[in-house]
Structures are given as structure tokens and as C-alpha cells.
C-alpha atoms as a PDB file:
ATOM      1  CA  MET A   1     108.253 139.617  83.940  1.00  0.00           C
ATOM      2  CA  SER A   2     105.575 141.766  82.309  1.00  0.00           C
ATOM      3  CA  GLY A   3     107.163 141.108  78.898  1.00  0.00           C
ATOM      4  CA  LEU A   4     106.769 137.367  79.441  1.00  0.00           C
ATOM      5  CA  ILE A   5     103.148 137.777  80.531  1.00  0.00           C
ATOM      6  CA  ASN A   6     102.406 140.016  77.531  1.00  0.00           C
ATOM      7  CA  GLY A   7     104.034 137.450  75.212  1.00  0.00           C
ATOM      8  CA  ILE A   8     101.989 134.648  76.754  1.00  0.00           C
ATOM      9  CA  ARG A   9      98.803 136.661  76.334  1.00  0.00           C
ATOM     10  CA  LEU A  10      99.662 137.574  72.735  1.00  0.00           C
ATOM     11  CA  VAL A  11     100.341 133.961  71.684  1.00  0.00           C
ATOM     12  CA  ALA A  12      97.223 132.714  73.474  1.00  0.00           C
ATOM     13  CA  GLY A  13      95.169 135.493  71.877  1.00  0.00           C
ATOM     14  CA  VAL A  14      96.360 134.619  68.371  1.00  0.00           C
ATOM     15  CA  ILE A  15      95.559 130.931  68.924  1.00  0.00           C
ATOM     16  CA  ASP A  16      92.139 131.839  70.304  1.00  0.00           C
ATOM     17  CA  TRP A  17      91.518 134.037  67.257  1.00  0.00           C
ATOM     18  CA  ILE A  18      92.415 131.174  64.903  1.00  0.00           C
ATOM     19  CA  ASN A  19      90.020 128.757  66.598  1.00  0.00           C
ATOM     20  CA  GLU A  20      87.322 131.414  66.814  1.00  0.00           C
ATOM     21  CA  ALA A  21      87.626 131.998  63.060  1.00  0.00           C
ATOM     22  CA  ILE A  22      87.487 128.254  62.380  1.00  0.00           C
ATOM     23  CA  GLY A  23      84.398 128.004  64.593  1.00  0.00           C
ATOM     24  CA  GLN A  24      82.649 130.822  62.708  1.00  0.00           C
ATOM     25  CA  ILE A  25      83.366 129.148  59.365  1.00  0.00           C
ATOM     26  CA  LEU A  26      82.106 125.818  60.709  1.00  0.00           C
ATOM     27  CA  ALA A  27      78.898 127.492  61.893  1.00  0.00           C
ATOM     28  CA  TRP A  28      78.165 128.310  58.251  1.00  0.00           C
ATOM     29  CA  LEU A  29      79.128 124.780  57.268  1.00  0.00           C
ATOM     30  CA  ALA A  30      76.565 123.518  59.799  1.00  0.00           C
ATOM     31  CA  LEU A  31      73.907 125.585  58.040  1.00  0.00           C
ATOM     32  CA  LEU A  32      74.995 124.104  54.714  1.00  0.00           C
ATOM     33  CA  LEU A  33      74.799 120.649  56.304  1.00  0.00           C
ATOM     34  CA  VAL A  34      71.176 121.222  57.303  1.00  0.00           C
ATOM     35  CA  VAL A  35      70.300 122.416  53.793  1.00  0.00           C
ATOM     36  CA  ASN A  36      72.078 119.415  52.265  1.00  0.00           C
ATOM     37  CA  VAL A  37      70.266 116.906  54.493  1.00  0.00           C
ATOM     38  CA  PHE A  38      66.943 118.623  53.763  1.00  0.00           C
ATOM     39  CA  LEU A  39      67.569 118.413  50.019  1.00  0.00           C
ATOM     40  CA  VAL A  40      68.628 114.751  50.203  1.00  0.00           C
ATOM     41  CA  VAL A  41      65.451 113.860  52.100  1.00  0.00           C
ATOM     42  CA  VAL A  42      63.146 115.852  49.829  1.00  0.00           C
ATOM     43  CA  LEU A  43      64.764 114.552  46.656  1.00  0.00           C
ATOM     44  CA  ARG A  44      64.655 110.961  47.864  1.00  0.00           C
ATOM     45  CA  TYR A  45      61.168 110.785  49.366  1.00  0.00           C
ATOM     46  CA  VAL A  46      59.306 113.294  47.204  1.00  0.00           C
ATOM     47  CA  PHE A  47      61.018 112.851  43.836  1.00  0.00           C
ATOM     48  CA  SER A  48      62.505 109.338  44.275  1.00  0.00           C
ATOM     49  CA  TYR A  49      65.928 110.659  43.353  1.00  0.00           C
ATOM     50  CA  GLY A  50      69.148 110.098  45.244  1.00  0.00           C
ATOM     51  CA  ASP A  51      72.856 110.091  44.624  1.00  0.00           C
ATOM     52  CA  VAL A  52      75.484 108.543  46.859  1.00  0.00           C
ATOM     53  CA  TRP A  53      77.724 111.600  46.596  1.00  0.00           C
ATOM     54  CA  MET A  54      74.969 113.793  48.087  1.00  0.00           C
ATOM     55  CA  GLN A  55      74.693 111.520  51.119  1.00  0.00           C
ATOM     56  CA  GLU A  56      78.453 111.333  51.515  1.00  0.00           C
ATOM     57  CA  THR A  57      78.644 115.119  51.351  1.00  0.00           C
ATOM     58  CA  TYR A  58      76.661 115.518  54.545  1.00  0.00           C
ATOM     59  CA  ILE A  59      78.655 112.775  56.245  1.00  0.00           C
ATOM     60  CA  TRP A  60      81.856 114.610  55.337  1.00  0.00           C
ATOM     61  CA  MET A  61      80.487 117.971  56.496  1.00  0.00           C
ATOM     62  CA  HIS A  62      79.435 116.403  59.779  1.00  0.00           C
ATOM     63  CA  ALA A  63      82.926 114.973  60.265  1.00  0.00           C
ATOM     64  CA  PHE A  64      84.596 118.304  59.451  1.00  0.00           C
ATOM     65  CA  ILE A  65      82.342 120.188  61.872  1.00  0.00           C
ATOM     66  CA  PHE A  66      83.101 117.845  64.755  1.00  0.00           C
ATOM     67  CA  MET A  67      86.805 117.344  64.120  1.00  0.00           C
ATOM     68  CA  LEU A  68      87.793 120.870  63.137  1.00  0.00           C
ATOM     69  CA  GLY A  69      85.447 122.382  65.728  1.00  0.00           C
ATOM     70  CA  ALA A  70      87.152 120.669  68.676  1.00  0.00           C
ATOM     71  CA  GLY A  71      89.496 123.615  69.275  1.00  0.00           C
ATOM     72  CA  TYR A  72      86.598 126.078  69.113  1.00  0.00           C
ATOM     73  CA  THR A  73      84.673 123.973  71.619  1.00  0.00           C
ATOM     74  CA  LEU A  74      87.636 123.929  74.006  1.00  0.00           C
ATOM     75  CA  LEU A  75      88.078 127.684  73.548  1.00  0.00           C
ATOM     76  CA  HIS A  76      84.513 128.188  74.797  1.00  0.00           C
ATOM     77  CA  ASP A  77      84.884 125.567  77.564  1.00  0.00           C
ATOM     78  CA  GLY A  78      82.296 123.340  75.894  1.00  0.00           C
ATOM     79  CA  HIS A  79      83.972 119.986  76.496  1.00  0.00           C
ATOM     80  CA  VAL A  80      82.717 117.647  79.182  1.00  0.00           C
ATOM     81  CA  ARG A  81      84.495 118.016  82.493  1.00  0.00           C
ATOM     82  CA  ILE A  82      83.967 116.144  85.732  1.00  0.00           C
ATOM     83  CA  ASP A  83      83.957 118.808  88.421  1.00  0.00           C
ATOM     84  CA  LEU A  84      84.515 116.656  91.504  1.00  0.00           C
ATOM     85  CA  ILE A  85      87.735 118.403  92.522  1.00  0.00           C
ATOM     86  CA  TYR A  86      87.529 121.414  90.241  1.00  0.00           C
ATOM     87  CA  SER A  87      84.258 123.322  90.637  1.00  0.00           C
ATOM     88  CA  GLY A  88      84.766 124.987  94.026  1.00  0.00           C
ATOM     89  CA  ALA A  89      88.494 125.527  93.645  1.00  0.00           C
ATOM     90  CA  SER A  90      90.375 128.813  93.378  1.00  0.00           C
ATOM     91  CA  ASP A  91      91.446 130.191  90.003  1.00  0.00           C
ATOM     92  CA  ARG A  92      95.090 129.380  90.763  1.00  0.00           C
ATOM     93  CA  TYR A  93      94.267 125.745  91.644  1.00  0.00           C
ATOM     94  CA  LYS A  94      92.212 125.403  88.430  1.00  0.00           C
ATOM     95  CA  ALA A  95      95.149 126.862  86.516  1.00  0.00           C
ATOM     96  CA  PHE A  96      97.503 124.235  87.998  1.00  0.00           C
ATOM     97  CA  VAL A  97      95.060 121.456  87.060  1.00  0.00           C
ATOM     98  CA  ASN A  98      94.628 122.824  83.523  1.00  0.00           C
ATOM     99  CA  PHE A  99      98.343 123.417  83.018  1.00  0.00           C
ATOM    100  CA  PHE A 100      99.543 120.023  84.179  1.00  0.00           C
ATOM    101  CA  GLY A 101      96.549 118.258  82.633  1.00  0.00           C
ATOM    102  CA  SER A 102      97.400 119.852  79.288  1.00  0.00           C
ATOM    103  CA  ILE A 103     101.004 118.713  79.469  1.00  0.00           C
ATOM    104  CA  ILE A 104     100.569 115.281  81.059  1.00  0.00           C
ATOM    105  CA  LEU A 105      97.296 114.178  79.484  1.00  0.00           C
ATOM    106  CA  GLY A 106      96.527 116.401  76.500  1.00  0.00           C
ATOM    107  CA  ALA A 107      99.873 116.555  74.714  1.00  0.00           C
ATOM    108  CA  PRO A 108     100.560 112.793  74.541  1.00  0.00           C
ATOM    109  CA  VAL A 109      97.032 111.943  73.389  1.00  0.00           C
ATOM    110  CA  LEU A 110      97.063 114.669  70.757  1.00  0.00           C
ATOM    111  CA  TRP A 111     100.503 113.566  69.549  1.00  0.00           C
ATOM    112  CA  LEU A 112      99.193 110.014  69.188  1.00  0.00           C
ATOM    113  CA  ILE A 113      96.127 111.211  67.263  1.00  0.00           C
ATOM    114  CA  TYR A 114      98.339 113.323  65.015  1.00  0.00           C
ATOM    115  CA  THR A 115     100.902 110.623  64.205  1.00  0.00           C
ATOM    116  CA  ARG A 116      98.332 107.879  63.662  1.00  0.00           C
ATOM    117  CA  GLY A 117      96.110 110.252  61.705  1.00  0.00           C
ATOM    118  CA  MET A 118      98.998 111.257  59.440  1.00  0.00           C
ATOM    119  CA  ASP A 119      99.743 107.587  58.749  1.00  0.00           C
ATOM    120  CA  PHE A 120      96.074 107.053  57.933  1.00  0.00           C
ATOM    121  CA  PHE A 121      96.067 110.114  55.655  1.00  0.00           C
ATOM    122  CA  TYR A 122      99.362 109.218  53.893  1.00  0.00           C
ATOM    123  CA  ARG A 123      98.180 105.693  53.112  1.00  0.00           C
ATOM    124  CA  SER A 124      94.957 107.066  51.669  1.00  0.00           C
ATOM    125  CA  PHE A 125      96.720 109.809  49.704  1.00  0.00           C
ATOM    126  CA  SER A 126      99.379 107.464  48.283  1.00  0.00           C
ATOM    127  CA  ARG A 127      96.601 105.303  46.822  1.00  0.00           C
ATOM    128  CA  LEU A 128      94.498 108.308  45.784  1.00  0.00           C
ATOM    129  CA  GLU A 129      91.711 106.574  47.678  1.00  0.00           C
ATOM    130  CA  THR A 130      88.145 107.282  46.669  1.00  0.00           C
ATOM    131  CA  SER A 131      84.822 106.339  48.173  1.00  0.00           C
ATOM    132  CA  PRO A 132      84.167 102.584  48.251  1.00  0.00           C
ATOM    133  CA  GLU A 133      80.614 103.299  47.086  1.00  0.00           C
ATOM    134  CA  ALA A 134      79.789 103.549  43.391  1.00  0.00           C
ATOM    135  CA  GLY A 135      79.037 107.191  42.658  1.00  0.00           C
ATOM    136  CA  GLY A 136      80.651 108.324  45.916  1.00  0.00           C
ATOM    137  CA  LEU A 137      82.964 111.248  46.452  1.00  0.00           C
ATOM    138  CA  PRO A 138      86.524 111.153  45.125  1.00  0.00           C
ATOM    139  CA  ALA A 139      89.563 112.084  47.208  1.00  0.00           C
ATOM    140  CA  LEU A 140      88.677 110.273  50.426  1.00  0.00           C
ATOM    141  CA  TYR A 141      92.086 111.355  51.711  1.00  0.00           C
ATOM    142  CA  VAL A 142      90.689 114.882  52.126  1.00  0.00           C
ATOM    143  CA  LEU A 143      88.283 113.542  54.735  1.00  0.00           C
ATOM    144  CA  LYS A 144      91.064 111.534  56.372  1.00  0.00           C
ATOM    145  CA  ALA A 145      93.219 114.680  56.545  1.00  0.00           C
ATOM    146  CA  ALA A 146      90.695 116.017  59.057  1.00  0.00           C
ATOM    147  CA  ILE A 147      92.086 113.586  61.656  1.00  0.00           C
ATOM    148  CA  PRO A 148      95.552 115.177  61.919  1.00  0.00           C
ATOM    149  CA  ALA A 149      93.879 118.583  61.459  1.00  0.00           C
ATOM    150  CA  LEU A 150      91.794 117.809  64.559  1.00  0.00           C
ATOM    151  CA  ALA A 151      95.008 117.155  66.478  1.00  0.00           C
ATOM    152  CA  ILE A 152      96.526 120.415  65.239  1.00  0.00           C
ATOM    153  CA  VAL A 153      93.598 122.734  66.060  1.00  0.00           C
ATOM    154  CA  LEU A 154      93.000 121.041  69.400  1.00  0.00           C
ATOM    155  CA  SER A 155      96.740 121.116  70.230  1.00  0.00           C
ATOM    156  CA  LEU A 156      96.821 124.824  69.501  1.00  0.00           C
ATOM    157  CA  GLN A 157      93.894 125.410  71.834  1.00  0.00           C
ATOM    158  CA  VAL A 158      95.419 123.184  74.523  1.00  0.00           C
ATOM    159  CA  LEU A 159      98.593 125.278  74.200  1.00  0.00           C
ATOM    160  CA  SER A 160      96.530 128.448  74.595  1.00  0.00           C
ATOM    161  CA  MET A 161      94.818 126.978  77.657  1.00  0.00           C
ATOM    162  CA  ALA A 162      98.197 126.006  79.132  1.00  0.00           C
ATOM    163  CA  LEU A 163      99.595 129.492  78.463  1.00  0.00           C
ATOM    164  CA  ARG A 164      96.584 131.184  80.048  1.00  0.00           C
ATOM    165  CA  SER A 165      96.901 128.819  83.013  1.00  0.00           C
ATOM    166  CA  LEU A 166     100.587 129.702  83.309  1.00  0.00           C
ATOM    167  CA  ASP A 167      99.589 133.377  83.273  1.00  0.00           C
ATOM    168  CA  THR A 168      97.176 132.725  86.159  1.00  0.00           C
ATOM    169  CA  ILE A 169      99.801 130.717  88.079  1.00  0.00           C
ATOM    170  CA  ILE A 170     102.359 133.525  87.710  1.00  0.00           C
ATOM    171  CA  THR A 171     100.081 136.509  88.320  1.00  0.00           C
ATOM    172  CA  GLY A 172      97.648 134.874  90.733  1.00  0.00           C
ATOM    173  CA  ARG A 173      94.599 136.094  88.850  1.00  0.00           C
ATOM    174  CA  LYS A 174      92.611 134.800  85.937  1.00  0.00           C
ATOM    175  CA  ILE A 175      92.434 137.100  82.950  1.00  0.00           C
ATOM    176  CA  VAL A 176      88.918 137.070  81.548  1.00  0.00           C
ATOM    177  CA  GLU A 177      88.787 138.589  78.104  1.00  0.00           C
ATOM    178  CA  GLU A 178      85.279 139.517  77.058  1.00  0.00           C
ATOM    179  CA  GLU A 179      86.464 141.662  74.193  1.00  0.00           C
ATOM    180  CA  GLU A 180      86.164 140.865  70.523  1.00  0.00           C
ATOM    181  CA  PRO A 181      88.709 138.363  69.139  1.00  0.00           C
ATOM    182  CA  LEU A 182      91.767 139.764  67.368  1.00  0.00           C
ATOM    183  CA  THR A 183      91.020 140.972  63.853  1.00  0.00           C
END
């Protein structure tokens, strides 16, 4: 039984490390986003200069931060939760809710987002779609690829949450890891 628990913890730890790394990269992208928006505003209102591609760049960065950061947000329990039946419950009860919620609610929704997002991406890629705006960014399919990527990173984190919940259900105690992520 301890081999199973160790395997569960290892897989969950690797997934957590992946989403932690993505979150750290996106934190730098958020800084770049702020600099980009600042430059667009200064160039437009002080120097009367503006390019569509510069504006689209910060829209794309914003989309990447939100979509690719969903797994990181779930890792750090940052998503909205209604705690009517959850807040005062035991760790084992919370683990049951998280485990079955992941399987019954999370998996089907994420599968739907993935399949529809891949269709959306494939259509865009097959046409080598570019921005509809003159002077906009090329390769719009790169932005549309973030939709299935959202489903992948969030699915990984939902799997990690389900595995950690299974660990709590089996062992009866919640493992709280305050150590540094795997390197």
C-alpha cells in the first residue's frame, strides 16, 4: 500500500511542479504585459503613434496568462469555491468531494473544452489564419492553441488534486507539502 501512496504522491508532485513552473513563467509574462500596455499608452497619447500589432500583443499575453495560468491557480487553491457544505468539513470529507467532483464534473468539462478547442485550433491552422485587422499579428492559430492548452494544464492539475484526494481518502490524513517544488 505504501508503494501506491508513494506513486500517487510522486505523480501529483511532478504535475504540481509543471504547473508551478508554468505559473512562474507567466508571472514574468505579466510583467511584460504591463510594460507593453505602458508603452502602447505612452506611444499613442504622447507621440501619437500606434500599431495594431502592439495592441494585439497585450491582448494575446493577457489570454495566455489567464488560460495557461488556470492550472497554477488551481494548484494554489485560487479558484472560486462556494463553501456551503465544504468549509467546516473534515479533511477526508473534503477529499471525497474533491475526488468525485474532479471525476464527475471536472473531467467531462475539460474534455469538452479540449475537443472543441482542438477543432477551433485545427480550423485556424489549416487556413493559416491571421489577424482580421490590417497590421495585426500573424499566426492567430497560436493564440487559439491556448484553448486546448488550457484544458491540458488544468486537466493535469485536476488529476493531481484527485490523486492527492485519493491519498487523503486512503490514509485518512491530508498531506500538506510546504517544501520547495521538485527541481
